[in-house]
C-alpha atoms as a PDB file:
ATOM      1  CA  MET A   1     -16.878  26.547   9.204  1.00  0.00           C
ATOM      2  CA  VAL A   2     -14.901  25.184  12.148  1.00  0.00           C
ATOM      3  CA  LEU A   3     -18.029  25.384  14.290  1.00  0.00           C
ATOM      4  CA  HIS A   4     -20.051  23.513  11.659  1.00  0.00           C
ATOM      5  CA  LEU A   5     -17.359  20.838  11.450  1.00  0.00           C
ATOM      6  CA  PHE A   6     -17.254  20.370  15.207  1.00  0.00           C
ATOM      7  CA  ASN A   7     -21.043  20.270  15.420  1.00  0.00           C
ATOM      8  CA  THR A   8     -21.298  17.679  12.637  1.00  0.00           C
ATOM      9  CA  PHE A   9     -18.567  15.452  14.037  1.00  0.00           C
ATOM     10  CA  PHE A  10     -19.814  15.724  17.625  1.00  0.00           C
ATOM     11  CA  TRP A  11     -23.410  14.750  16.881  1.00  0.00           C
ATOM     12  CA  SER A  12     -22.453  12.205  14.219  1.00  0.00           C
ATOM     13  CA  PHE A  13     -20.080  10.446  16.612  1.00  0.00           C
ATOM     14  CA  PHE A  14     -22.557   9.989  19.439  1.00  0.00           C
ATOM     15  CA  PHE A  15     -25.426   9.265  17.081  1.00  0.00           C
ATOM     16  CA  ALA A  16     -23.458   6.521  15.314  1.00  0.00           C
ATOM     17  CA  ILE A  17     -22.497   4.851  18.596  1.00  0.00           C
ATOM     18  CA  GLY A  18     -26.072   4.990  19.858  1.00  0.00           C
ATOM     19  CA  TYR A  19     -27.582   3.794  16.578  1.00  0.00           C
ATOM     20  CA  ILE A  20     -25.293   0.786  16.316  1.00  0.00           C
ATOM     21  CA  SER A  21     -25.799  -0.169  19.978  1.00  0.00           C
ATOM     22  CA  ILE A  22     -29.597  -0.129  19.714  1.00  0.00           C
ATOM     23  CA  TYR A  23     -29.458  -1.863  16.326  1.00  0.00           C
ATOM     24  CA  ARG A  24     -27.407  -4.708  17.800  1.00  0.00           C
ATOM     25  CA  ARG A  25     -29.730  -5.031  20.783  1.00  0.00           C
ATOM     26  CA  ILE A  26     -32.744  -5.326  18.491  1.00  0.00           C
ATOM     27  CA  GLU A  27     -30.907  -7.864  16.346  1.00  0.00           C
ATOM     28  CA  GLU A  28     -29.905 -10.025  19.309  1.00  0.00           C
ATOM     29  CA  GLY A  29     -33.321  -9.737  20.952  1.00  0.00           C
ATOM     30  CA  THR A  30     -35.135 -10.705  17.762  1.00  0.00           C
ATOM     31  CA  ILE A  31     -32.935 -13.754  17.274  1.00  0.00           C
ATOM     32  CA  ARG A  32     -33.485 -14.884  20.859  1.00  0.00           C
ATOM     33  CA  TRP A  33     -37.249 -14.390  20.572  1.00  0.00           C
ATOM     34  CA  TYR A  34     -37.546 -16.441  17.394  1.00  0.00           C
ATOM     35  CA  ARG A  35     -35.386 -19.202  18.830  1.00  0.00           C
ATOM     36  CA  SER A  36     -37.444 -19.320  22.027  1.00  0.00           C
ATOM     37  CA  LYS A  37     -40.571 -19.752  19.902  1.00  0.00           C
ATOM     38  CA  GLN A  38     -38.814 -22.402  17.789  1.00  0.00           C
ATOM     39  CA  MET A  39     -39.625 -20.451  14.654  1.00  0.00           C
ATOM     40  CA  MET A  40     -37.559 -19.747  11.577  1.00  0.00           C
ATOM     41  CA  LEU A  41     -35.896 -16.344  11.511  1.00  0.00           C
ATOM     42  CA  LYS A  42     -37.603 -15.564   8.216  1.00  0.00           C
ATOM     43  CA  PHE A  43     -39.052 -12.164   9.062  1.00  0.00           C
ATOM     44  CA  GLY A  44     -36.743 -11.299  11.952  1.00  0.00           C
ATOM     45  CA  GLU A  45     -34.963  -8.521  10.066  1.00  0.00           C
ATOM     46  CA  LEU A  46     -38.188  -6.600   9.571  1.00  0.00           C
ATOM     47  CA  ALA A  47     -37.703  -5.216  13.091  1.00  0.00           C
ATOM     48  CA  LEU A  48     -34.284  -3.900  12.021  1.00  0.00           C
ATOM     49  CA  VAL A  49     -35.744  -2.378   8.867  1.00  0.00           C
ATOM     50  CA  ALA A  50     -38.497  -0.725  10.905  1.00  0.00           C
ATOM     51  CA  TYR A  51     -35.939   0.738  13.313  1.00  0.00           C
ATOM     52  CA  ALA A  52     -33.581   1.967  10.584  1.00  0.00           C
ATOM     53  CA  SER A  53     -36.469   3.427   8.565  1.00  0.00           C
ATOM     54  CA  MET A  54     -37.863   5.198  11.628  1.00  0.00           C
ATOM     55  CA  VAL A  55     -34.456   6.761  12.282  1.00  0.00           C
ATOM     56  CA  GLU A  56     -34.034   7.941   8.687  1.00  0.00           C
ATOM     57  CA  ILE A  57     -37.521   9.438   8.543  1.00  0.00           C
ATOM     58  CA  SER A  58     -37.049  11.077  11.951  1.00  0.00           C
ATOM     59  CA  LEU A  59     -33.800  12.681  10.803  1.00  0.00           C
ATOM     60  CA  ARG A  60     -35.522  14.052   7.726  1.00  0.00           C
ATOM     61  CA  ILE A  61     -38.392  15.452   9.806  1.00  0.00           C
ATOM     62  CA  LEU A  62     -35.973  17.059  12.257  1.00  0.00           C
ATOM     63  CA  HIS A  63     -34.156  18.778   9.448  1.00  0.00           C
ATOM     64  CA  HIS A  64     -37.363  19.966   7.776  1.00  0.00           C
ATOM     65  CA  PHE A  65     -39.282  21.266  10.769  1.00  0.00           C
ATOM     66  CA  LEU A  66     -36.605  22.106  13.312  1.00  0.00           C
ATOM     67  CA  THR A  67     -34.062  23.497  10.855  1.00  0.00           C
ATOM     68  CA  THR A  68     -31.449  21.055  12.147  1.00  0.00           C
ATOM     69  CA  ASN A  69     -27.986  21.411  10.630  1.00  0.00           C
ATOM     70  CA  MET A  70     -28.202  19.986   7.101  1.00  0.00           C
ATOM     71  CA  TRP A  71     -24.596  18.764   7.162  1.00  0.00           C
ATOM     72  CA  THR A  72     -25.280  16.711  10.255  1.00  0.00           C
ATOM     73  CA  MET A  73     -28.464  15.205   8.799  1.00  0.00           C
ATOM     74  CA  VAL A  74     -26.735  14.129   5.600  1.00  0.00           C
ATOM     75  CA  ASN A  75     -23.903  12.476   7.497  1.00  0.00           C
ATOM     76  CA  LEU A  76     -26.261  10.710   9.884  1.00  0.00           C
ATOM     77  CA  GLN A  77     -28.548   9.423   7.148  1.00  0.00           C
ATOM     78  CA  THR A  78     -25.576   8.207   5.121  1.00  0.00           C
ATOM     79  CA  VAL A  79     -24.168   6.371   8.154  1.00  0.00           C
ATOM     80  CA  VAL A  80     -27.554   4.723   8.784  1.00  0.00           C
ATOM     81  CA  ALA A  81     -27.971   3.722   5.148  1.00  0.00           C
ATOM     82  CA  LEU A  82     -24.525   2.185   4.768  1.00  0.00           C
ATOM     83  CA  TYR A  83     -24.411   0.385   8.133  1.00  0.00           C
ATOM     84  CA  THR A  84     -27.898  -1.076   7.698  1.00  0.00           C
ATOM     85  CA  CYS A  85     -27.181  -2.362   4.203  1.00  0.00           C
ATOM     86  CA  LEU A  86     -23.951  -3.913   5.448  1.00  0.00           C
ATOM     87  CA  THR A  87     -25.729  -5.883   8.171  1.00  0.00           C
ATOM     88  CA  LEU A  88     -29.044  -6.995   6.648  1.00  0.00           C
ATOM     89  CA  ARG A  89     -28.932 -10.558   5.306  1.00  0.00           C
ATOM     90  CA  ASN A  90     -32.410 -10.879   3.822  1.00  0.00           C
ATOM     91  CA  LYS A  91     -32.646  -9.470   0.293  1.00  0.00           C
ATOM     92  CA  GLY A  92     -36.304  -8.566   0.670  1.00  0.00           C
ATOM     93  CA  ALA A  93     -35.647  -6.688   3.906  1.00  0.00           C
ATOM     94  CA  ASN A  94     -32.757  -4.825   2.295  1.00  0.00           C
ATOM     95  CA  LEU A  95     -34.871  -3.875  -0.728  1.00  0.00           C
ATOM     96  CA  LEU A  96     -37.601  -2.535   1.550  1.00  0.00           C
ATOM     97  CA  PHE A  97     -35.069  -0.420   3.418  1.00  0.00           C
ATOM     98  CA  LEU A  98     -33.624   0.916   0.160  1.00  0.00           C
ATOM     99  CA  LEU A  99     -37.094   2.086  -0.893  1.00  0.00           C
ATOM    100  CA  VAL A 100     -37.394   4.018   2.378  1.00  0.00           C
ATOM    101  CA  THR A 101     -33.926   5.475   1.773  1.00  0.00           C
ATOM    102  CA  LEU A 102     -34.964   6.519  -1.729  1.00  0.00           C
ATOM    103  CA  ALA A 103     -37.980   8.335  -0.330  1.00  0.00           C
ATOM    104  CA  THR A 104     -36.073  10.148   2.428  1.00  0.00           C
ATOM    105  CA  PHE A 105     -33.068  11.105   0.296  1.00  0.00           C
ATOM    106  CA  GLY A 106     -35.332  12.087  -2.568  1.00  0.00           C
ATOM    107  CA  SER A 107     -37.205  14.560  -0.354  1.00  0.00           C
ATOM    108  CA  TYR A 108     -34.186  16.876  -0.253  1.00  0.00           C
ATOM    109  CA  GLY A 109     -34.667  19.768  -2.657  1.00  0.00           C
ATOM    110  CA  THR A 110     -36.139  19.636  -6.160  1.00  0.00           C
ATOM    111  CA  LEU A 111     -34.706  16.746  -8.155  1.00  0.00           C
ATOM    112  CA  THR A 112     -34.177  16.760 -11.898  1.00  0.00           C
ATOM    113  CA  TRP A 113     -34.199  13.540 -13.894  1.00  0.00           C
ATOM    114  CA  GLY A 114     -30.427  13.526 -13.734  1.00  0.00           C
ATOM    115  CA  LEU A 115     -30.448  13.760  -9.938  1.00  0.00           C
ATOM    116  CA  TRP A 116     -33.074  11.030  -9.663  1.00  0.00           C
ATOM    117  CA  LEU A 117     -30.864   8.769 -11.785  1.00  0.00           C
ATOM    118  CA  ALA A 118     -27.884   9.612  -9.590  1.00  0.00           C
ATOM    119  CA  LEU A 119     -29.892   8.818  -6.474  1.00  0.00           C
ATOM    120  CA  ILE A 120     -31.054   5.507  -7.922  1.00  0.00           C
ATOM    121  CA  GLY A 121     -27.415   4.805  -8.779  1.00  0.00           C
ATOM    122  CA  LEU A 122     -26.526   5.424  -5.133  1.00  0.00           C
ATOM    123  CA  LEU A 123     -29.128   2.869  -4.052  1.00  0.00           C
ATOM    124  CA  LEU A 124     -27.816   0.351  -6.584  1.00  0.00           C
ATOM    125  CA  ILE A 125     -24.406   0.768  -4.975  1.00  0.00           C
ATOM    126  CA  LEU A 126     -25.963   0.052  -1.572  1.00  0.00           C
ATOM    127  CA  PHE A 127     -27.671  -3.016  -3.045  1.00  0.00           C
ATOM    128  CA  VAL A 128     -24.320  -4.357  -4.249  1.00  0.00           C
ATOM    129  CA  VAL A 129     -22.805  -3.489  -0.862  1.00  0.00           C
ATOM    130  CA  ASN A 130     -25.426  -5.694   0.777  1.00  0.00           C
ATOM    131  CA  GLN A 131     -24.421  -8.615  -1.441  1.00  0.00           C
ATOM    132  CA  GLN A 132     -20.688  -8.145  -0.769  1.00  0.00           C
ATOM    133  CA  SER A 133     -20.881  -7.034   2.855  1.00  0.00           C
ATOM    134  CA  ILE A 134     -18.830  -9.888   4.355  1.00  0.00           C
ATOM    135  CA  TRP A 135     -15.971  -9.273   1.938  1.00  0.00           C
ATOM    136  CA  LEU A 136     -16.195  -5.520   2.405  1.00  0.00           C
ATOM    137  CA  VAL A 137     -15.964  -5.457   6.212  1.00  0.00           C
ATOM    138  CA  SER A 138     -13.335  -8.180   6.509  1.00  0.00           C
ATOM    139  CA  ARG A 139     -10.542  -5.566   6.417  1.00  0.00           C
ATOM    140  CA  PHE A 140     -10.477  -1.945   7.452  1.00  0.00           C
ATOM    141  CA  SER A 141      -8.383  -0.924   4.430  1.00  0.00           C
ATOM    142  CA  ARG A 142     -10.957  -2.520   2.140  1.00  0.00           C
ATOM    143  CA  TYR A 143     -13.804  -0.811   3.998  1.00  0.00           C
ATOM    144  CA  LEU A 144     -12.071   2.578   3.937  1.00  0.00           C
ATOM    145  CA  GLY A 145     -11.308   2.134   0.248  1.00  0.00           C
ATOM    146  CA  PHE A 146     -15.052   1.937  -0.353  1.00  0.00           C
ATOM    147  CA  VAL A 147     -16.178   4.590   2.150  1.00  0.00           C
ATOM    148  CA  ILE A 148     -14.124   7.379   0.573  1.00  0.00           C
ATOM    149  CA  PRO A 149     -15.559   7.134  -2.978  1.00  0.00           C
ATOM    150  CA  PHE A 150     -19.026   6.302  -1.619  1.00  0.00           C
ATOM    151  CA  GLY A 151     -18.995   9.364   0.627  1.00  0.00           C
ATOM    152  CA  THR A 152     -17.659  11.492  -2.208  1.00  0.00           C
ATOM    153  CA  PHE A 153     -20.469  10.350  -4.500  1.00  0.00           C
ATOM    154  CA  THR A 154     -23.076  11.006  -1.798  1.00  0.00           C
ATOM    155  CA  TRP A 155     -21.823  14.503  -1.010  1.00  0.00           C
ATOM    156  CA  LEU A 156     -21.568  15.380  -4.709  1.00  0.00           C
ATOM    157  CA  LEU A 157     -25.194  14.339  -4.993  1.00  0.00           C
ATOM    158  CA  PHE A 158     -26.183  16.623  -2.128  1.00  0.00           C
ATOM    159  CA  LYS A 159     -24.064  19.422  -3.545  1.00  0.00           C
ATOM    160  CA  ALA A 160     -26.361  19.236  -6.533  1.00  0.00           C
ATOM    161  CA  PHE A 161     -29.339  19.608  -4.154  1.00  0.00           C
ATOM    162  CA  TYR A 162     -27.867  22.595  -2.338  1.00  0.00           C
ATOM    163  CA  ALA A 163     -25.423  25.179  -3.619  1.00  0.00           C
ATOM    164  CA  PHE A 164     -22.587  24.980  -1.105  1.00  0.00           C
ATOM    165  CA  SER A 165     -18.880  25.485  -1.734  1.00  0.00           C
ATOM    166  CA  TRP A 166     -16.312  22.863  -2.683  1.00  0.00           C
ATOM    167  CA  TRP A 167     -14.465  23.630   0.530  1.00  0.00           C
ATOM    168  CA  SER A 168     -17.568  22.757   2.507  1.00  0.00           C
ATOM    169  CA  LEU A 169     -17.838  19.479   0.616  1.00  0.00           C
ATOM    170  CA  ILE A 170     -14.228  18.545   1.423  1.00  0.00           C
ATOM    171  CA  VAL A 171     -14.650  19.391   5.113  1.00  0.00           C
ATOM    172  CA  GLN A 172     -17.889  17.426   5.469  1.00  0.00           C
ATOM    173  CA  LEU A 173     -16.476  14.490   3.534  1.00  0.00           C
ATOM    174  CA  PHE A 174     -13.507  14.409   5.917  1.00  0.00           C
ATOM    175  CA  CYS A 175     -15.902  14.396   8.852  1.00  0.00           C
ATOM    176  CA  TYR A 176     -17.914  11.585   7.271  1.00  0.00           C
ATOM    177  CA  VAL A 177     -14.842   9.406   6.731  1.00  0.00           C
ATOM    178  CA  CYS A 178     -13.804   9.945  10.367  1.00  0.00           C
ATOM    179  CA  VAL A 179     -17.238   8.904  11.617  1.00  0.00           C
ATOM    180  CA  GLU A 180     -17.288   5.825   9.361  1.00  0.00           C
ATOM    181  CA  THR A 181     -13.879   4.864  10.742  1.00  0.00           C
ATOM    182  CA  ILE A 182     -15.322   4.964  14.243  1.00  0.00           C
ATOM    183  CA  VAL A 183     -18.365   2.994  13.066  1.00  0.00           C
ATOM    184  CA  PHE A 184     -16.169   0.245  11.630  1.00  0.00           C
ATOM    185  CA  HIS A 185     -14.059  -0.214  14.739  1.00  0.00           C
ATOM    186  CA  TYR A 186     -16.992   0.047  17.147  1.00  0.00           C
ATOM    187  CA  SER A 187     -19.117  -2.444  15.211  1.00  0.00           C
ATOM    188  CA  THR A 188     -16.107  -4.781  14.999  1.00  0.00           C
ATOM    189  CA  LEU A 189     -15.698  -4.509  18.770  1.00  0.00           C
ATOM    190  CA  LEU A 190     -19.362  -5.384  19.321  1.00  0.00           C
ATOM    191  CA  LYS A 191     -19.159  -8.263  16.846  1.00  0.00           C
ATOM    192  CA  ASN A 192     -16.097  -9.751  18.537  1.00  0.00           C
ATOM    193  CA  ARG A 193     -17.675  -9.321  21.950  1.00  0.00           C
ATOM    194  CA  GLY A 194     -20.863 -10.971  20.698  1.00  0.00           C
ATOM    195  CA  ALA A 195     -18.910 -13.878  19.217  1.00  0.00           C
ATOM    196  CA  ALA A 196     -17.060 -14.395  22.499  1.00  0.00           C
ATOM    197  CA  SER A 197     -20.344 -14.287  24.409  1.00  0.00           C
ATOM    198  CA  ALA A 198     -21.978 -16.748  22.003  1.00  0.00           C
ATOM    199  CA  LYS A 199     -19.016 -19.098  22.354  1.00  0.00           C
ATOM    200  CA  LEU A 200     -19.244 -18.931  26.136  1.00  0.00           C
ATOM    201  CA  ILE A 201     -22.980 -19.639  26.048  1.00  0.00           C
ATOM    202  CA  TYR A 202     -22.447 -22.541  23.641  1.00  0.00           C
ATOM    203  CA  GLU A 203     -19.777 -24.068  25.840  1.00  0.00           C
ATOM    204  CA  THR A 204     -21.992 -23.605  28.882  1.00  0.00           C
ATOM    205  CA  MET A 205     -24.905 -25.292  27.131  1.00  0.00           C
ATOM    206  CA  HIS A 206     -22.964 -28.127  25.478  1.00  0.00           C
ATOM    207  CA  ASP A 207     -20.136 -29.074  27.854  1.00  0.00           C
ATOM    208  CA  GLN A 208     -22.432 -31.093  30.124  1.00  0.00           C
ATOM    209  CA  PRO A 209     -21.842 -34.674  26.701  1.00  0.00           C
ATOM    210  CA  SER A 210     -17.633 -33.278  29.009  1.00  0.00           C
ATOM    211  CA  ALA A 211     -18.622 -32.602  32.739  1.00  0.00           C
ATOM    212  CA  GLN A 212     -20.162 -36.070  32.996  1.00  0.00           C
ATOM    213  CA  GLN A 213     -17.023 -37.742  31.631  1.00  0.00           C
ATOM    214  CA  ALA A 214     -14.850 -35.797  34.057  1.00  0.00           C
ATOM    215  CA  MET A 215     -17.051 -36.814  36.982  1.00  0.00           C
ATOM    216  CA  GLN A 216     -17.035 -40.442  35.886  1.00  0.00           C
ATOM    217  CA  ALA A 217     -13.249 -40.429  35.913  1.00  0.00           C
ATOM    218  CA  TYR A 218     -13.233 -38.758  39.312  1.00  0.00           C
ATOM    219  CA  CYS A 219     -15.710 -41.276  40.731  1.00  0.00           C
ATOM    220  CA  GLN A 220     -13.565 -44.145  39.456  1.00  0.00           C
ATOM    221  CA  GLN A 221     -10.528 -42.684  41.178  1.00  0.00           C
ATOM    222  CA  LEU A 222     -12.470 -42.605  44.429  1.00  0.00           C
ATOM    223  CA  ARG A 223     -13.543 -46.233  43.965  1.00  0.00           C
ATOM    224  CA  ASP A 224      -9.932 -47.239  43.481  1.00  0.00           C
ATOM    225  CA  LEU A 225      -8.917 -45.367  46.616  1.00  0.00           C
ATOM    226  CA  HIS A 226      -8.899 -47.692  49.648  1.00  0.00           C
ATOM    227  CA  ILE A 227      -8.282 -46.158  53.054  1.00  0.00           C
ATOM    228  CA  THR A 228      -7.329 -48.382  55.993  1.00  0.00           C
ATOM    229  CA  TYR A 229      -8.154 -47.182  59.494  1.00  0.00           C
ATOM    230  CA  ASP A 230      -7.671 -49.388  62.584  1.00  0.00           C
ATOM    231  CA  GLY A 231      -7.456 -52.415  60.361  1.00  0.00           C
ATOM    232  CA  ILE A 232     -10.700 -51.564  58.595  1.00  0.00           C
ATOM    233  CA  VAL A 233     -10.716 -50.874  54.873  1.00  0.00           C
ATOM    234  CA  ILE A 234     -12.927 -47.892  54.033  1.00  0.00           C
ATOM    235  CA  ASP A 235     -14.230 -47.511  50.499  1.00  0.00           C
ATOM    236  CA  ILE A 236     -15.360 -44.093  49.259  1.00  0.00           C
ATOM    237  CA  THR A 237     -18.087 -43.443  46.708  1.00  0.00           C
ATOM    238  CA  ILE A 238     -20.031 -40.348  45.779  1.00  0.00           C
ATOM    239  CA  SER A 239     -23.322 -39.488  44.136  1.00  0.00           C
ATOM    240  CA  VAL A 240     -23.388 -36.663  41.600  1.00  0.00           C
ATOM    241  CA  GLY A 241     -26.115 -34.533  40.037  1.00  0.00           C
ATOM    242  CA  ILE A 242     -25.181 -32.611  36.888  1.00  0.00           C
ATOM    243  CA  THR A 243     -27.118 -29.944  35.020  1.00  0.00           C
ATOM    244  CA  LYS A 244     -26.357 -27.004  32.778  1.00  0.00           C
ATOM    245  CA  LEU A 245     -27.206 -23.339  32.826  1.00  0.00           C
ATOM    246  CA  LEU A 246     -30.433 -22.688  30.929  1.00  0.00           C
ATOM    247  CA  GLY A 247     -31.619 -19.502  29.322  1.00  0.00           C
ATOM    248  CA  ASN A 248     -34.588 -19.201  31.670  1.00  0.00           C
ATOM    249  CA  ASP A 249     -32.450 -19.506  34.816  1.00  0.00           C
ATOM    250  CA  VAL A 250     -32.956 -16.141  36.485  1.00  0.00           C
ATOM    251  CA  GLN A 251     -30.827 -16.751  39.582  1.00  0.00           C
ATOM    252  CA  ALA A 252     -27.997 -19.118  40.490  1.00  0.00           C
ATOM    253  CA  GLU A 253     -30.376 -20.884  42.868  1.00  0.00           C
ATOM    254  CA  ASP A 254     -32.441 -22.061  39.887  1.00  0.00           C
ATOM    255  CA  THR A 255     -29.501 -24.007  38.501  1.00  0.00           C
ATOM    256  CA  ILE A 256     -28.377 -25.279  41.915  1.00  0.00           C
ATOM    257  CA  LYS A 257     -31.892 -26.480  42.760  1.00  0.00           C
ATOM    258  CA  ARG A 258     -32.070 -28.459  39.525  1.00  0.00           C
ATOM    259  CA  ALA A 259     -28.650 -30.038  40.149  1.00  0.00           C
ATOM    260  CA  ASP A 260     -29.781 -30.951  43.669  1.00  0.00           C
ATOM    261  CA  GLN A 261     -32.787 -32.777  42.230  1.00  0.00           C
ATOM    262  CA  TYR A 262     -30.517 -34.906  40.047  1.00  0.00           C
ATOM    263  CA  LEU A 263     -28.286 -35.554  43.055  1.00  0.00           C
ATOM    264  CA  TYR A 264     -31.332 -36.856  44.948  1.00  0.00           C
ATOM    265  CA  GLN A 265     -32.152 -39.134  41.992  1.00  0.00           C
ATOM    266  CA  ALA A 266     -28.581 -40.453  42.022  1.00  0.00           C
ATOM    267  CA  LYS A 267     -28.909 -41.351  45.699  1.00  0.00           C
ATOM    268  CA  GLN A 268     -32.259 -43.028  45.095  1.00  0.00           C
ATOM    269  CA  ALA A 269     -30.672 -45.102  42.339  1.00  0.00           C
ATOM    270  CA  GLY A 270     -28.417 -46.802  44.886  1.00  0.00           C
ATOM    271  CA  ARG A 271     -25.726 -44.186  45.356  1.00  0.00           C
ATOM    272  CA  ASP A 272     -22.344 -44.247  43.645  1.00  0.00           C
ATOM    273  CA  ALA A 273     -24.148 -42.922  40.577  1.00  0.00           C
ATOM    274  CA  ILE A 274     -24.179 -39.923  38.258  1.00  0.00           C
ATOM    275  CA  VAL A 275     -27.439 -38.419  37.025  1.00  0.00           C
ATOM    276  CA  ALA A 276     -27.306 -35.634  34.441  1.00  0.00           C
ATOM    277  CA  GLY A 277     -30.120 -33.667  32.864  1.00  0.00           C
ATOM    278  CA  TYR A 278     -31.555 -30.220  32.186  1.00  0.00           C
END
């Protein structure tokens, strides 16, 4: 039993971290692609549904053909199902994913009508989770308060599929709650890091309507500065070219070259000028 617990926790931990990381990369990449094409992000979540569905089906195939540890498969599929439903925003995409989940979960064992109803009830819970996801993940205590009864319900459902002991259920449920705790904190870390990155990109892209004002004030200070040397008054002026970092700038030289072009335009305009663009 201890070996089974360690095996389940070990693989569930690394699987959850890997799944969330790839999921986030697909999400960010899809958003960037749609924005670059100036299209609405109407079907963007289909890529996430395809990825999550592929993972769930793959886990089921691994368990069926390679006799992979059943405890591990149940935990992994439950983690995938809950995390995906918490992050999808499109109702149609979420419904499509729930149908895949119904098919994969329903392939375990022989289901009676009662078990089918219980499984459908589980999916209805996930549907409600999708609608209340923002509220649910806003606090860890709130999230944990849901994970414990949700995991209990899921493992009771699988206990009906397979005749394993109550002690096994308690041990695996404990493992599941531990993994979901890691999932919450890791996904929160990625979300905060993504928000900080998005803020930095926004400031980089929008603080040009600010850099120009600062340079105008600096140029005025130079105009007001009069230096006398050997009885000759020397006035100082500068020409400035301003640009901002663009998404298609591969190297720093791309941005510098563009700023240099605006500097050249400022000099052609009679010097003592500021030219900004992108």
